[in-house]
């Protein structure tokens, strides 16, 4: 396997670290709840629905944040 290749994320592995509420995710990321709902509705941020509540798997939240990283070592 390529050194950079990572195994595909399964639903089980995605929720293995638990899930947070939208409010908790907003506090963790410093983003507003609307931005998180927009990302979920656009399919960019995975979530699970329990009744009317949305819970965001911790691993999905970290993965989504990491996808937005800008490489500061690259010249502009």
Protein backbone atom coordinates (compact mmCIF):
# COMPACT_ATOMS: atom_id res chain seq x y z
CA UNK A 1 0.00 0.00 0.00
CA UNK A 2 1.22 3.51 -0.82
CA UNK A 3 2.71 5.31 2.22
CA UNK A 4 0.20 8.14 1.81
CA UNK A 5 -2.81 5.95 1.09
CA UNK A 6 -5.17 5.45 3.99
CA UNK A 7 -7.80 2.78 4.38
CA UNK A 8 -11.32 3.83 3.50
CA UNK A 9 -13.37 5.14 6.41
CA UNK A 10 -16.25 2.87 7.39
CA UNK A 11 -19.36 4.05 9.22
CA UNK A 12 -18.21 2.08 12.26
CA UNK A 13 -14.75 3.63 12.29
CA UNK A 14 -16.20 7.10 11.72
CA UNK A 15 -18.24 6.92 14.94
CA UNK A 16 -15.66 4.95 16.95
CA UNK A 17 -14.58 8.07 18.85
CA UNK A 18 -18.13 9.13 19.63
CA UNK A 19 -20.16 12.08 18.41
CA UNK A 20 -20.84 15.64 19.50
CA UNK A 21 -23.83 17.92 19.28
CA UNK A 22 -23.85 20.80 16.81
CA UNK A 23 -23.41 23.19 19.73
CA UNK A 24 -20.35 21.26 20.96
CA UNK A 25 -18.92 21.15 17.44
CA UNK A 26 -19.40 24.92 17.12
CA UNK A 27 -17.57 25.51 20.40
CA UNK A 28 -14.74 23.16 19.36
CA UNK A 29 -14.25 24.67 15.91
CA UNK A 30 -15.02 28.29 16.65
CA UNK A 31 -17.52 28.26 13.78
CA UNK A 32 -21.17 29.15 13.97
CA UNK A 33 -23.88 26.52 14.01
CA UNK A 34 -25.15 27.82 10.65
CA UNK A 35 -21.79 27.07 9.00
CA UNK A 36 -21.90 23.54 10.39
CA UNK A 37 -25.50 22.99 9.24
CA UNK A 38 -24.56 24.33 5.80
CA UNK A 39 -21.63 21.87 5.59
CA UNK A 40 -23.86 18.99 6.66
CA UNK A 41 -26.63 19.94 4.22
CA UNK A 42 -24.09 20.22 1.38
CA UNK A 43 -22.74 16.74 2.15
CA UNK A 44 -19.30 17.98 3.20
CA UNK A 45 -19.66 17.06 6.88
CA UNK A 46 -20.99 13.66 7.93
CA UNK A 47 -23.60 13.45 10.67
CA UNK A 48 -26.09 11.05 12.13
CA UNK A 49 -29.67 11.80 12.98
CA UNK A 50 -31.25 10.64 16.21
CA UNK A 51 -34.85 11.75 16.21
CA UNK A 52 -34.67 15.42 15.25
CA UNK A 53 -31.14 15.84 16.62
CA UNK A 54 -28.02 15.85 14.51
CA UNK A 55 -24.83 14.45 15.98
CA UNK A 56 -21.47 14.88 14.32
CA UNK A 57 -18.94 12.07 14.67
CA UNK A 58 -15.75 13.48 16.23
CA UNK A 59 -13.63 11.80 13.58
CA UNK A 60 -15.74 13.30 10.76
CA UNK A 61 -15.38 16.76 12.31
CA UNK A 62 -11.60 16.49 12.55
CA UNK A 63 -11.40 15.09 9.01
CA UNK A 64 -13.54 17.97 7.68
CA UNK A 65 -11.39 20.55 9.46
CA UNK A 66 -8.16 18.95 8.22
CA UNK A 67 -9.45 19.02 4.63
CA UNK A 68 -9.56 22.81 4.87
CA UNK A 69 -5.96 23.22 6.01
CA UNK A 70 -3.79 25.56 4.01
CA UNK A 71 -0.19 24.48 3.71
CA UNK A 72 1.77 27.41 5.19
CA UNK A 73 5.06 25.97 3.93
CA UNK A 74 4.12 26.39 0.26
CA UNK A 75 4.95 29.69 -1.40
CA UNK A 76 1.88 31.78 -2.18
